[in-house]
Amino acid sequence: TGLDFEGVRKEFLDDDHTPLMVVNIGRPGPDAWFPRSPRLSYEQVVTTV
């Protein structure tokens, strides 16, 4: 897969957790696509302290 599981574990996880990769294999259904939701504005997502 090219994913460095040991590197991910050392960088982001403690000794009690193990990285896991899930791969979805298949084809989307004919009605799987829908319009993109609108983007949130800067003011809606950022709080300046």
PDB file of N, CA and C in Angstrom:
ATOM      1  N   THR A   1       0.817  -1.205   0.000  1.00  0.00           N
ATOM      2  CA  THR A   1       0.000   0.000   0.000  1.00  0.00           C
ATOM      3  C   THR A   1       0.853   1.258   0.000  1.00  0.00           C
ATOM      4  N   GLY A   2       2.074   1.175   0.453  1.00  0.00           N
ATOM      5  CA  GLY A   2       2.922   2.350   0.547  1.00  0.00           C
ATOM      6  C   GLY A   2       2.770   3.092   1.861  1.00  0.00           C
ATOM      7  N   LEU A   3       1.842   2.685   2.693  1.00  0.00           N
ATOM      8  CA  LEU A   3       1.625   3.342   3.982  1.00  0.00           C
ATOM      9  C   LEU A   3       2.609   2.798   5.007  1.00  0.00           C
ATOM     10  N   ASP A   4       3.298   3.690   5.681  1.00  0.00           N
ATOM     11  CA  ASP A   4       4.268   3.308   6.716  1.00  0.00           C
ATOM     12  C   ASP A   4       3.537   3.213   8.054  1.00  0.00           C
ATOM     13  N   PHE A   5       2.966   2.048   8.328  1.00  0.00           N
ATOM     14  CA  PHE A   5       2.181   1.866   9.551  1.00  0.00           C
ATOM     15  C   PHE A   5       3.012   2.129  10.802  1.00  0.00           C
ATOM     16  N   GLU A   6       4.238   1.670  10.814  1.00  0.00           N
ATOM     17  CA  GLU A   6       5.097   1.880  11.985  1.00  0.00           C
ATOM     18  C   GLU A   6       5.391   3.367  12.167  1.00  0.00           C
ATOM     19  N   GLY A   7       5.624   4.075  11.078  1.00  0.00           N
ATOM     20  CA  GLY A   7       5.856   5.515  11.161  1.00  0.00           C
ATOM     21  C   GLY A   7       4.632   6.262  11.670  1.00  0.00           C
ATOM     22  N   VAL A   8       3.456   5.876  11.198  1.00  0.00           N
ATOM     23  CA  VAL A   8       2.206   6.490  11.668  1.00  0.00           C
ATOM     24  C   VAL A   8       2.024   6.226  13.154  1.00  0.00           C
ATOM     25  N   ARG A   9       2.262   4.986  13.578  1.00  0.00           N
ATOM     26  CA  ARG A   9       2.102   4.646  14.995  1.00  0.00           C
ATOM     27  C   ARG A   9       3.042   5.466  15.855  1.00  0.00           C
ATOM     28  N   LYS A  10       4.317   5.559  15.461  1.00  0.00           N
ATOM     29  CA  LYS A  10       5.297   6.305  16.259  1.00  0.00           C
ATOM     30  C   LYS A  10       4.968   7.791  16.322  1.00  0.00           C
ATOM     31  N   GLU A  11       4.499   8.360  15.209  1.00  0.00           N
ATOM     32  CA  GLU A  11       4.256   9.801  15.134  1.00  0.00           C
ATOM     33  C   GLU A  11       2.958  10.224  15.812  1.00  0.00           C
ATOM     34  N   PHE A  12       1.904   9.414  15.696  1.00  0.00           N
ATOM     35  CA  PHE A  12       0.579   9.871  16.110  1.00  0.00           C
ATOM     36  C   PHE A  12      -0.083   9.066  17.220  1.00  0.00           C
ATOM     37  N   LEU A  13       0.355   7.825  17.472  1.00  0.00           N
ATOM     38  CA  LEU A  13      -0.370   6.960  18.394  1.00  0.00           C
ATOM     39  C   LEU A  13       0.489   6.561  19.581  1.00  0.00           C
ATOM     40  N   ASP A  14      -0.177   6.212  20.673  1.00  0.00           N
ATOM     41  CA  ASP A  14       0.560   5.683  21.818  1.00  0.00           C
ATOM     42  C   ASP A  14       0.658   4.164  21.677  1.00  0.00           C
ATOM     43  N   ASP A  15       1.233   3.506  22.655  1.00  0.00           N
ATOM     44  CA  ASP A  15       1.469   2.064  22.560  1.00  0.00           C
ATOM     45  C   ASP A  15       0.191   1.229  22.630  1.00  0.00           C
ATOM     46  N   ASP A  16      -0.927   1.849  23.030  1.00  0.00           N
ATOM     47  CA  ASP A  16      -2.184   1.115  23.154  1.00  0.00           C
ATOM     48  C   ASP A  16      -3.000   1.097  21.858  1.00  0.00           C
ATOM     49  N   HIS A  17      -2.536   1.795  20.822  1.00  0.00           N
ATOM     50  CA  HIS A  17      -3.302   1.886  19.581  1.00  0.00           C
ATOM     51  C   HIS A  17      -2.473   1.401  18.398  1.00  0.00           C
ATOM     52  N   THR A  18      -3.167   0.911  17.383  1.00  0.00           N
ATOM     53  CA  THR A  18      -2.532   0.392  16.175  1.00  0.00           C
ATOM     54  C   THR A  18      -3.212   1.010  14.961  1.00  0.00           C
ATOM     55  N   PRO A  19      -2.450   1.483  13.975  1.00  0.00           N
ATOM     56  CA  PRO A  19      -3.084   2.035  12.773  1.00  0.00           C
ATOM     57  C   PRO A  19      -3.799   0.942  11.978  1.00  0.00           C
ATOM     58  N   LEU A  20      -4.854   1.337  11.301  1.00  0.00           N
ATOM     59  CA  LEU A  20      -5.645   0.421  10.494  1.00  0.00           C
ATOM     60  C   LEU A  20      -5.992   1.129   9.192  1.00  0.00           C
ATOM     61  N   MET A  21      -5.916   0.424   8.086  1.00  0.00           N
ATOM     62  CA  MET A  21      -6.283   0.998   6.792  1.00  0.00           C
ATOM     63  C   MET A  21      -7.457   0.212   6.237  1.00  0.00           C
ATOM     64  N   VAL A  22      -8.503   0.930   5.815  1.00  0.00           N
ATOM     65  CA  VAL A  22      -9.679   0.302   5.234  1.00  0.00           C
ATOM     66  C   VAL A  22      -9.778   0.763   3.783  1.00  0.00           C
ATOM     67  N   VAL A  23      -9.944  -0.173   2.876  1.00  0.00           N
ATOM     68  CA  VAL A  23     -10.054   0.136   1.451  1.00  0.00           C
ATOM     69  C   VAL A  23     -11.423  -0.323   0.967  1.00  0.00           C
ATOM     70  N   ASN A  24     -12.162   0.588   0.354  1.00  0.00           N
ATOM     71  CA  ASN A  24     -13.470   0.268  -0.189  1.00  0.00           C
ATOM     72  C   ASN A  24     -13.303  -0.102  -1.661  1.00  0.00           C
ATOM     73  N   ILE A  25     -13.697  -1.304  -2.015  1.00  0.00           N
ATOM     74  CA  ILE A  25     -13.588  -1.764  -3.395  1.00  0.00           C
ATOM     75  C   ILE A  25     -14.994  -1.968  -3.935  1.00  0.00           C
ATOM     76  N   GLY A  26     -15.269  -1.380  -5.081  1.00  0.00           N
ATOM     77  CA  GLY A  26     -16.582  -1.531  -5.691  1.00  0.00           C
ATOM     78  C   GLY A  26     -16.880  -0.369  -6.610  1.00  0.00           C
ATOM     79  N   ARG A  27     -18.100  -0.338  -7.082  1.00  0.00           N
ATOM     80  CA  ARG A  27     -18.537   0.726  -7.974  1.00  0.00           C
ATOM     81  C   ARG A  27     -19.678   1.489  -7.304  1.00  0.00           C
ATOM     82  N   PRO A  28     -19.718   2.811  -7.501  1.00  0.00           N
ATOM     83  CA  PRO A  28     -20.837   3.572  -6.943  1.00  0.00           C
ATOM     84  C   PRO A  28     -22.127   3.257  -7.698  1.00  0.00           C
ATOM     85  N   GLY A  29     -23.232   3.354  -6.993  1.00  0.00           N
ATOM     86  CA  GLY A  29     -24.529   3.153  -7.627  1.00  0.00           C
ATOM     87  C   GLY A  29     -24.849   4.300  -8.575  1.00  0.00           C
ATOM     88  N   PRO A  30     -25.853   4.154  -9.422  1.00  0.00           N
ATOM     89  CA  PRO A  30     -26.174   5.191 -10.398  1.00  0.00           C
ATOM     90  C   PRO A  30     -26.634   6.502  -9.761  1.00  0.00           C
ATOM     91  N   ASP A  31     -27.148   6.463  -8.555  1.00  0.00           N
ATOM     92  CA  ASP A  31     -27.622   7.682  -7.890  1.00  0.00           C
ATOM     93  C   ASP A  31     -26.707   8.083  -6.727  1.00  0.00           C
ATOM     94  N   ALA A  32     -25.427   7.716  -6.801  1.00  0.00           N
ATOM     95  CA  ALA A  32     -24.499   7.967  -5.690  1.00  0.00           C
ATOM     96  C   ALA A  32     -24.023   9.414  -5.625  1.00  0.00           C
ATOM     97  N   TRP A  33     -24.160  10.166  -6.695  1.00  0.00           N
ATOM     98  CA  TRP A  33     -23.605  11.523  -6.744  1.00  0.00           C
ATOM     99  C   TRP A  33     -24.685  12.549  -6.447  1.00  0.00           C
ATOM    100  N   PHE A  34     -24.303  13.601  -5.749  1.00  0.00           N
ATOM    101  CA  PHE A  34     -25.229  14.674  -5.425  1.00  0.00           C
ATOM    102  C   PHE A  34     -24.454  15.985  -5.424  1.00  0.00           C
ATOM    103  N   PRO A  35     -25.135  17.124  -5.550  1.00  0.00           N
ATOM    104  CA  PRO A  35     -24.432  18.409  -5.591  1.00  0.00           C
ATOM    105  C   PRO A  35     -23.640  18.664  -4.309  1.00  0.00           C
ATOM    106  N   ARG A  36     -22.536  19.360  -4.455  1.00  0.00           N
ATOM    107  CA  ARG A  36     -21.696  19.696  -3.311  1.00  0.00           C
ATOM    108  C   ARG A  36     -22.434  20.657  -2.388  1.00  0.00           C
ATOM    109  N   SER A  37     -22.280  20.478  -1.093  1.00  0.00           N
ATOM    110  CA  SER A  37     -22.859  21.402  -0.121  1.00  0.00           C
ATOM    111  C   SER A  37     -22.115  22.726  -0.196  1.00  0.00           C
ATOM    112  N   PRO A  38     -22.776  23.830   0.155  1.00  0.00           N
ATOM    113  CA  PRO A  38     -22.087  25.123   0.089  1.00  0.00           C
ATOM    114  C   PRO A  38     -20.958  25.202   1.109  1.00  0.00           C
ATOM    115  N   ARG A  39     -19.919  25.950   0.760  1.00  0.00           N
ATOM    116  CA  ARG A  39     -18.797  26.152   1.678  1.00  0.00           C
ATOM    117  C   ARG A  39     -19.201  27.110   2.789  1.00  0.00           C
ATOM    118  N   LEU A  40     -18.662  26.871   3.979  1.00  0.00           N
ATOM    119  CA  LEU A  40     -18.902  27.783   5.091  1.00  0.00           C
ATOM    120  C   LEU A  40     -18.050  29.024   4.901  1.00  0.00           C
ATOM    121  N   SER A  41     -18.537  30.138   5.386  1.00  0.00           N
ATOM    122  CA  SER A  41     -17.762  31.374   5.289  1.00  0.00           C
ATOM    123  C   SER A  41     -16.652  31.378   6.341  1.00  0.00           C
ATOM    124  N   TYR A  42     -15.688  32.240   6.147  1.00  0.00           N
ATOM    125  CA  TYR A  42     -14.576  32.385   7.083  1.00  0.00           C
ATOM    126  C   TYR A  42     -15.099  32.656   8.493  1.00  0.00           C
ATOM    127  N   GLU A  43     -16.072  33.545   8.609  1.00  0.00           N
ATOM    128  CA  GLU A  43     -16.618  33.923   9.914  1.00  0.00           C
ATOM    129  C   GLU A  43     -17.324  32.756  10.608  1.00  0.00           C
ATOM    130  N   GLN A  44     -17.834  31.818   9.853  1.00  0.00           N
ATOM    131  CA  GLN A  44     -18.531  30.673  10.436  1.00  0.00           C
ATOM    132  C   GLN A  44     -17.572  29.639  11.021  1.00  0.00           C
ATOM    133  N   VAL A  45     -16.335  29.614  10.561  1.00  0.00           N
ATOM    134  CA  VAL A  45     -15.426  28.552  10.982  1.00  0.00           C
ATOM    135  C   VAL A  45     -14.214  29.017  11.768  1.00  0.00           C
ATOM    136  N   VAL A  46     -13.952  30.317  11.811  1.00  0.00           N
ATOM    137  CA  VAL A  46     -12.750  30.813  12.479  1.00  0.00           C
ATOM    138  C   VAL A  46     -13.135  31.693  13.652  1.00  0.00           C
ATOM    139  N   THR A  47     -12.520  31.441  14.797  1.00  0.00           N
ATOM    140  CA  THR A  47     -12.662  32.300  15.961  1.00  0.00           C
ATOM    141  C   THR A  47     -11.295  32.880  16.269  1.00  0.00           C
ATOM    142  N   THR A  48     -11.189  34.190  16.260  1.00  0.00           N
ATOM    143  CA  THR A  48      -9.925  34.855  16.546  1.00  0.00           C
ATOM    144  C   THR A  48      -9.879  35.224  18.017  1.00  0.00           C
ATOM    145  N   VAL A  49      -8.816  34.837  18.674  1.00  0.00           N
ATOM    146  CA  VAL A  49      -8.669  35.113  20.103  1.00  0.00           C
ATOM    147  C   VAL A  49      -7.739  36.286  20.284  1.00  0.00           C
TER     148      VAL A  49
END
